[in-house]
N, C-alpha and C. Protein backbone atom coordinates (compact mmCIF):
# COMPACT_ATOMS: atom_id res chain seq x y z
N MET A 1 -0.73 1.14 15.46
CA MET A 1 0.32 2.12 15.48
C MET A 1 0.16 3.04 14.27
N TYR A 2 0.30 4.33 14.51
CA TYR A 2 0.27 5.34 13.45
C TYR A 2 1.64 5.95 13.29
N LEU A 3 2.03 6.17 12.05
CA LEU A 3 3.29 6.83 11.75
C LEU A 3 2.99 8.22 11.19
N THR A 4 3.64 9.23 11.72
CA THR A 4 3.48 10.57 11.19
C THR A 4 4.24 10.67 9.87
N GLU A 5 4.02 11.75 9.17
CA GLU A 5 4.69 11.97 7.87
C GLU A 5 6.21 11.88 7.98
N VAL A 6 6.77 12.32 9.07
CA VAL A 6 8.23 12.39 9.21
C VAL A 6 8.81 11.27 10.08
N ASP A 7 8.02 10.28 10.40
CA ASP A 7 8.50 9.16 11.21
C ASP A 7 9.66 8.47 10.50
N PRO A 8 10.77 8.23 11.18
CA PRO A 8 11.92 7.58 10.54
C PRO A 8 11.66 6.14 10.09
N ARG A 9 10.61 5.52 10.61
CA ARG A 9 10.32 4.13 10.21
C ARG A 9 9.91 4.01 8.75
N TRP A 10 9.45 5.10 8.12
CA TRP A 10 9.14 5.02 6.68
C TRP A 10 10.39 4.60 5.90
N ALA A 11 11.54 5.08 6.32
CA ALA A 11 12.79 4.76 5.62
C ALA A 11 13.28 3.36 5.94
N GLU A 12 12.70 2.70 6.90
CA GLU A 12 13.13 1.37 7.33
C GLU A 12 12.24 0.27 6.78
N HIS A 13 11.47 0.56 5.75
CA HIS A 13 10.53 -0.42 5.20
C HIS A 13 11.27 -1.57 4.52
N SER A 14 10.53 -2.62 4.23
CA SER A 14 11.10 -3.84 3.66
C SER A 14 10.97 -3.92 2.15
N GLY A 15 10.37 -2.93 1.52
CA GLY A 15 10.14 -2.97 0.08
C GLY A 15 11.41 -3.11 -0.72
N GLU A 16 11.27 -3.69 -1.89
CA GLU A 16 12.41 -3.87 -2.79
C GLU A 16 12.09 -3.17 -4.10
N GLY A 17 12.24 -3.85 -5.24
CA GLY A 17 11.97 -3.24 -6.54
C GLY A 17 10.60 -2.59 -6.58
N GLY A 18 10.53 -1.40 -7.13
CA GLY A 18 9.28 -0.66 -7.19
C GLY A 18 9.04 0.18 -5.95
N HIS A 19 9.79 -0.08 -4.90
CA HIS A 19 9.66 0.70 -3.67
C HIS A 19 10.80 1.71 -3.52
N TYR A 20 11.88 1.52 -4.24
CA TYR A 20 13.03 2.42 -4.12
C TYR A 20 13.42 3.08 -5.43
N ASP A 21 13.08 2.47 -6.54
CA ASP A 21 13.64 2.89 -7.82
C ASP A 21 12.78 3.90 -8.59
N ALA A 22 11.89 4.58 -7.90
CA ALA A 22 11.05 5.60 -8.54
C ALA A 22 10.72 6.67 -7.51
N PRO A 23 10.35 7.87 -7.97
CA PRO A 23 10.01 8.94 -7.04
C PRO A 23 8.75 8.65 -6.23
N GLU A 24 8.66 9.29 -5.06
CA GLU A 24 7.46 9.22 -4.22
C GLU A 24 6.34 10.00 -4.90
N TRP A 25 5.11 9.67 -4.58
CA TRP A 25 3.93 10.37 -5.08
C TRP A 25 3.86 11.74 -4.44
N GLY A 26 3.46 12.74 -5.23
CA GLY A 26 3.34 14.10 -4.71
C GLY A 26 2.10 14.79 -5.22
N PRO A 27 1.85 16.00 -4.76
CA PRO A 27 0.63 16.72 -5.12
C PRO A 27 0.47 16.95 -6.63
N GLU A 28 1.56 16.93 -7.36
CA GLU A 28 1.49 17.11 -8.82
C GLU A 28 1.04 15.85 -9.56
N ASP A 29 0.79 14.77 -8.83
CA ASP A 29 0.49 13.47 -9.42
C ASP A 29 -0.99 13.08 -9.38
N LEU A 30 -1.90 14.03 -9.28
CA LEU A 30 -3.32 13.68 -9.18
C LEU A 30 -3.81 12.89 -10.40
N GLU A 31 -3.49 13.36 -11.58
CA GLU A 31 -3.92 12.65 -12.79
C GLU A 31 -3.26 11.28 -12.87
N ARG A 32 -1.98 11.23 -12.57
CA ARG A 32 -1.24 9.96 -12.57
C ARG A 32 -1.85 8.98 -11.57
N ALA A 33 -2.27 9.48 -10.41
CA ALA A 33 -2.88 8.63 -9.38
C ALA A 33 -4.22 8.09 -9.85
N ALA A 34 -5.00 8.92 -10.54
CA ALA A 34 -6.29 8.45 -11.06
C ALA A 34 -6.09 7.33 -12.08
N VAL A 35 -5.10 7.47 -12.92
CA VAL A 35 -4.79 6.42 -13.91
C VAL A 35 -4.33 5.16 -13.18
N PHE A 36 -3.47 5.32 -12.19
CA PHE A 36 -2.99 4.19 -11.40
C PHE A 36 -4.17 3.41 -10.82
N LEU A 37 -5.11 4.12 -10.20
CA LEU A 37 -6.26 3.46 -9.59
C LEU A 37 -7.07 2.68 -10.61
N ALA A 38 -7.17 3.20 -11.82
CA ALA A 38 -7.92 2.52 -12.88
C ALA A 38 -7.19 1.29 -13.40
N GLU A 39 -5.88 1.24 -13.23
CA GLU A 39 -5.08 0.14 -13.79
C GLU A 39 -4.82 -1.01 -12.83
N ILE A 40 -5.09 -0.84 -11.55
CA ILE A 40 -4.75 -1.92 -10.62
C ILE A 40 -5.88 -2.94 -10.53
N ALA A 41 -5.52 -4.15 -10.18
CA ALA A 41 -6.47 -5.25 -10.07
C ALA A 41 -7.50 -4.95 -8.96
N PRO A 42 -8.72 -5.46 -9.12
CA PRO A 42 -9.79 -5.15 -8.15
C PRO A 42 -9.45 -5.49 -6.69
N GLN A 43 -8.88 -6.66 -6.44
CA GLN A 43 -8.53 -7.00 -5.06
C GLN A 43 -7.45 -6.08 -4.52
N ALA A 44 -6.47 -5.75 -5.34
CA ALA A 44 -5.41 -4.84 -4.92
C ALA A 44 -6.00 -3.47 -4.59
N ARG A 45 -6.95 -3.05 -5.40
CA ARG A 45 -7.59 -1.74 -5.13
C ARG A 45 -8.34 -1.78 -3.81
N ARG A 46 -9.03 -2.88 -3.50
CA ARG A 46 -9.75 -2.97 -2.23
C ARG A 46 -8.80 -2.90 -1.04
N VAL A 47 -7.67 -3.58 -1.13
CA VAL A 47 -6.68 -3.52 -0.05
C VAL A 47 -6.15 -2.09 0.08
N PHE A 48 -5.81 -1.48 -1.04
CA PHE A 48 -5.28 -0.12 -1.03
C PHE A 48 -6.31 0.86 -0.47
N GLU A 49 -7.56 0.73 -0.87
CA GLU A 49 -8.63 1.60 -0.36
C GLU A 49 -8.76 1.45 1.16
N TYR A 50 -8.61 0.24 1.66
CA TYR A 50 -8.67 0.00 3.10
C TYR A 50 -7.54 0.75 3.80
N LEU A 51 -6.35 0.69 3.25
CA LEU A 51 -5.20 1.40 3.84
C LEU A 51 -5.40 2.91 3.76
N LEU A 52 -6.03 3.39 2.69
CA LEU A 52 -6.26 4.83 2.54
C LEU A 52 -7.22 5.38 3.59
N ARG A 53 -8.05 4.53 4.17
CA ARG A 53 -9.01 5.00 5.18
C ARG A 53 -8.32 5.50 6.44
N SER A 54 -7.11 5.04 6.68
CA SER A 54 -6.37 5.43 7.89
C SER A 54 -4.92 5.73 7.52
N PRO A 55 -4.67 6.86 6.89
CA PRO A 55 -3.29 7.19 6.48
C PRO A 55 -2.33 7.12 7.66
N GLY A 56 -1.19 6.49 7.41
CA GLY A 56 -0.17 6.37 8.44
C GLY A 56 -0.36 5.21 9.39
N ARG A 57 -1.51 4.56 9.36
CA ARG A 57 -1.76 3.44 10.29
C ARG A 57 -1.11 2.17 9.75
N ALA A 58 -0.33 1.52 10.59
CA ALA A 58 0.29 0.25 10.23
C ALA A 58 -0.74 -0.87 10.44
N VAL A 59 -1.04 -1.60 9.36
CA VAL A 59 -2.08 -2.62 9.38
C VAL A 59 -1.43 -3.98 9.13
N HIS A 60 -1.65 -4.90 10.05
CA HIS A 60 -1.08 -6.24 9.91
C HIS A 60 -1.82 -7.01 8.81
N CYS A 61 -1.09 -7.88 8.14
CA CYS A 61 -1.67 -8.64 7.02
C CYS A 61 -2.88 -9.47 7.43
N THR A 62 -2.93 -9.96 8.67
CA THR A 62 -4.09 -10.75 9.08
C THR A 62 -5.35 -9.89 9.10
N GLU A 63 -5.22 -8.61 9.48
CA GLU A 63 -6.37 -7.71 9.44
C GLU A 63 -6.83 -7.49 8.00
N LEU A 64 -5.89 -7.35 7.09
CA LEU A 64 -6.25 -7.16 5.68
C LEU A 64 -6.98 -8.37 5.13
N VAL A 65 -6.51 -9.55 5.48
CA VAL A 65 -7.19 -10.77 5.01
C VAL A 65 -8.60 -10.84 5.57
N ASP A 66 -8.73 -10.58 6.87
CA ASP A 66 -10.06 -10.65 7.51
C ASP A 66 -11.01 -9.57 7.00
N ALA A 67 -10.52 -8.33 6.93
CA ALA A 67 -11.40 -7.19 6.62
C ALA A 67 -11.66 -6.99 5.14
N VAL A 68 -10.70 -7.36 4.29
CA VAL A 68 -10.81 -7.02 2.88
C VAL A 68 -10.90 -8.25 1.98
N LEU A 69 -10.17 -9.27 2.32
CA LEU A 69 -10.07 -10.43 1.42
C LEU A 69 -10.98 -11.58 1.83
N GLY A 70 -11.90 -11.32 2.73
CA GLY A 70 -12.91 -12.31 3.06
C GLY A 70 -12.47 -13.40 4.01
N GLY A 71 -11.26 -13.25 4.62
CA GLY A 71 -10.81 -14.24 5.60
C GLY A 71 -11.05 -15.64 5.07
N PRO A 72 -11.03 -16.66 5.83
CA PRO A 72 -10.38 -16.69 7.13
C PRO A 72 -8.87 -16.74 6.97
N ASN A 73 -8.20 -16.50 8.03
CA ASN A 73 -6.74 -16.48 8.01
C ASN A 73 -6.16 -17.88 8.12
N GLU A 74 -6.37 -18.66 7.11
CA GLU A 74 -5.77 -19.99 7.05
C GLU A 74 -4.55 -19.91 6.16
N GLY A 75 -3.47 -20.49 6.56
CA GLY A 75 -2.26 -20.44 5.75
C GLY A 75 -1.46 -19.19 6.02
N ASP A 76 -0.78 -18.71 5.02
CA ASP A 76 0.16 -17.61 5.16
C ASP A 76 -0.48 -16.30 4.70
N SER A 77 -0.96 -15.52 5.65
CA SER A 77 -1.62 -14.24 5.33
C SER A 77 -0.67 -13.28 4.63
N ALA A 78 0.58 -13.29 5.03
CA ALA A 78 1.56 -12.37 4.42
C ALA A 78 1.69 -12.67 2.93
N ARG A 79 1.78 -13.93 2.57
CA ARG A 79 1.89 -14.29 1.15
C ARG A 79 0.60 -13.97 0.40
N ARG A 80 -0.52 -14.16 1.05
CA ARG A 80 -1.79 -13.89 0.40
C ARG A 80 -1.92 -12.40 0.07
N VAL A 81 -1.59 -11.55 1.03
CA VAL A 81 -1.66 -10.10 0.80
C VAL A 81 -0.63 -9.68 -0.24
N ALA A 82 0.58 -10.20 -0.14
CA ALA A 82 1.62 -9.86 -1.12
C ALA A 82 1.18 -10.26 -2.53
N GLY A 83 0.55 -11.42 -2.65
CA GLY A 83 0.06 -11.86 -3.95
C GLY A 83 -1.00 -10.93 -4.50
N VAL A 84 -1.91 -10.49 -3.64
CA VAL A 84 -2.95 -9.56 -4.07
C VAL A 84 -2.32 -8.23 -4.50
N LEU A 85 -1.37 -7.74 -3.71
CA LEU A 85 -0.76 -6.44 -4.02
C LEU A 85 0.12 -6.50 -5.27
N SER A 86 0.48 -7.69 -5.72
CA SER A 86 1.20 -7.79 -6.99
C SER A 86 0.30 -7.32 -8.13
N GLY A 87 -1.00 -7.22 -7.87
CA GLY A 87 -1.94 -6.69 -8.84
C GLY A 87 -1.79 -5.19 -9.07
N MET A 88 -0.82 -4.58 -8.41
CA MET A 88 -0.50 -3.17 -8.63
C MET A 88 0.69 -3.00 -9.58
N ALA A 89 1.29 -4.09 -10.01
CA ALA A 89 2.55 -4.02 -10.78
C ALA A 89 2.40 -3.19 -12.05
N LYS A 90 1.34 -3.40 -12.80
CA LYS A 90 1.16 -2.65 -14.05
C LYS A 90 0.99 -1.16 -13.76
N GLY A 91 0.15 -0.83 -12.80
CA GLY A 91 -0.07 0.57 -12.44
C GLY A 91 1.20 1.23 -11.95
N GLN A 92 1.97 0.51 -11.14
CA GLN A 92 3.22 1.07 -10.63
C GLN A 92 4.21 1.29 -11.77
N SER A 93 4.35 0.33 -12.62
CA SER A 93 5.28 0.44 -13.74
C SER A 93 4.90 1.59 -14.67
N ASN A 94 3.62 1.69 -15.00
CA ASN A 94 3.15 2.74 -15.90
C ASN A 94 3.18 4.13 -15.28
N SER A 95 3.12 4.19 -13.95
CA SER A 95 3.02 5.49 -13.28
C SER A 95 4.34 6.25 -13.24
N GLY A 96 5.45 5.52 -13.26
CA GLY A 96 6.73 6.19 -13.09
C GLY A 96 6.98 6.59 -11.64
N ARG A 97 6.18 6.08 -10.73
CA ARG A 97 6.31 6.36 -9.30
C ARG A 97 6.50 5.06 -8.54
N ARG A 98 6.91 5.18 -7.29
CA ARG A 98 7.08 3.99 -6.45
C ARG A 98 5.70 3.43 -6.10
N TYR A 99 5.66 2.23 -5.55
CA TYR A 99 4.39 1.72 -5.04
C TYR A 99 3.87 2.70 -4.00
N PRO A 100 2.56 2.90 -3.93
CA PRO A 100 2.03 3.91 -3.02
C PRO A 100 1.82 3.44 -1.59
N PHE A 101 2.37 2.29 -1.24
CA PHE A 101 2.28 1.78 0.12
C PHE A 101 3.67 1.35 0.57
N TYR A 102 3.82 1.22 1.86
CA TYR A 102 5.06 0.72 2.44
C TYR A 102 4.72 -0.58 3.16
N TRP A 103 5.72 -1.44 3.31
CA TRP A 103 5.50 -2.66 4.09
C TRP A 103 6.75 -3.00 4.88
N TRP A 104 6.52 -3.68 6.00
CA TRP A 104 7.58 -4.09 6.89
C TRP A 104 7.40 -5.57 7.20
N ALA A 105 8.46 -6.33 6.99
CA ALA A 105 8.45 -7.74 7.35
C ALA A 105 8.36 -7.85 8.87
N ALA A 106 7.80 -8.96 9.32
CA ALA A 106 7.69 -9.18 10.76
C ALA A 106 9.08 -9.38 11.38
N PRO A 107 9.24 -8.96 12.61
CA PRO A 107 10.51 -9.20 13.29
C PRO A 107 10.76 -10.71 13.41
N GLU A 108 12.01 -11.06 13.55
CA GLU A 108 12.39 -12.47 13.71
C GLU A 108 11.55 -13.12 14.79
N GLY A 109 10.98 -14.28 14.48
CA GLY A 109 10.17 -15.01 15.44
C GLY A 109 8.69 -14.66 15.39
N SER A 110 8.33 -13.67 14.58
CA SER A 110 6.92 -13.27 14.42
C SER A 110 6.45 -13.65 13.02
N ALA A 111 5.16 -13.63 12.85
CA ALA A 111 4.60 -13.98 11.55
C ALA A 111 3.97 -12.75 10.89
N GLY A 112 3.96 -12.76 9.56
CA GLY A 112 3.24 -11.75 8.82
C GLY A 112 4.03 -10.52 8.48
N ALA A 113 3.34 -9.58 7.87
CA ALA A 113 3.92 -8.31 7.48
C ALA A 113 2.91 -7.22 7.80
N THR A 114 3.40 -5.99 7.87
CA THR A 114 2.57 -4.84 8.17
C THR A 114 2.64 -3.86 7.01
N TYR A 115 1.52 -3.20 6.71
CA TYR A 115 1.41 -2.30 5.56
C TYR A 115 0.87 -0.95 6.02
N ALA A 116 1.27 0.11 5.31
CA ALA A 116 0.75 1.45 5.59
C ALA A 116 0.93 2.34 4.37
N VAL A 117 0.13 3.41 4.32
CA VAL A 117 0.26 4.43 3.29
C VAL A 117 0.66 5.73 3.99
N ARG A 118 1.73 6.32 3.50
CA ARG A 118 2.22 7.59 4.05
C ARG A 118 1.11 8.65 3.93
N PRO A 119 0.89 9.48 4.95
CA PRO A 119 -0.19 10.48 4.89
C PRO A 119 -0.16 11.37 3.65
N SER A 120 1.00 11.82 3.23
CA SER A 120 1.07 12.69 2.04
C SER A 120 0.67 11.94 0.78
N VAL A 121 0.99 10.67 0.70
CA VAL A 121 0.62 9.85 -0.46
C VAL A 121 -0.88 9.58 -0.43
N ALA A 122 -1.41 9.30 0.75
CA ALA A 122 -2.85 9.08 0.88
C ALA A 122 -3.61 10.33 0.42
N ALA A 123 -3.11 11.51 0.75
CA ALA A 123 -3.78 12.75 0.34
C ALA A 123 -3.87 12.85 -1.18
N VAL A 124 -2.81 12.44 -1.87
CA VAL A 124 -2.81 12.47 -3.35
C VAL A 124 -3.89 11.54 -3.88
N PHE A 125 -3.94 10.32 -3.37
CA PHE A 125 -4.90 9.34 -3.90
C PHE A 125 -6.33 9.66 -3.50
N LEU A 126 -6.53 10.20 -2.31
CA LEU A 126 -7.88 10.59 -1.91
C LEU A 126 -8.39 11.73 -2.77
N ALA A 127 -7.52 12.69 -3.08
CA ALA A 127 -7.91 13.79 -3.96
C ALA A 127 -8.16 13.30 -5.38
N ALA A 128 -7.33 12.39 -5.86
CA ALA A 128 -7.54 11.84 -7.20
C ALA A 128 -8.84 11.05 -7.28
N ARG A 129 -9.11 10.29 -6.27
CA ARG A 129 -10.35 9.50 -6.23
C ARG A 129 -11.57 10.40 -6.19
N ALA A 130 -11.49 11.49 -5.46
CA ALA A 130 -12.60 12.43 -5.37
C ALA A 130 -12.87 13.11 -6.71
N GLY A 131 -11.80 13.24 -7.52
CA GLY A 131 -11.95 13.89 -8.81
C GLY A 131 -12.37 12.96 -9.92
N THR A 132 -12.46 11.66 -9.63
CA THR A 132 -12.84 10.70 -10.67
C THR A 132 -14.28 10.28 -10.52
């Protein structure tokens, strides 16, 4: 599933601290984004880079474990991905911006979580990465 820039589901994400208490990334944040990328943990950067390849695409945590974290999907993939993405905490805190990804908990009775990067945010990070 792909979400457009204006899809209302962006506002329905499950994020908590760091997802609401800071401004969204914008075109004026290229330098800030480059610093953020340099400050995040290597595994977190790999997951984020994977999400950046398809802006707006909702990616289930099992795909992230298989494609980026070396699989296999034994145990709780949602917790594994969340633990890896905690490696963005320093970059997020230092940036003065919200986390650059969104996540949605699975509906009742389902397992896992889904992650995506808003297209406008992906554009900022792709431009920053190209400049570094």
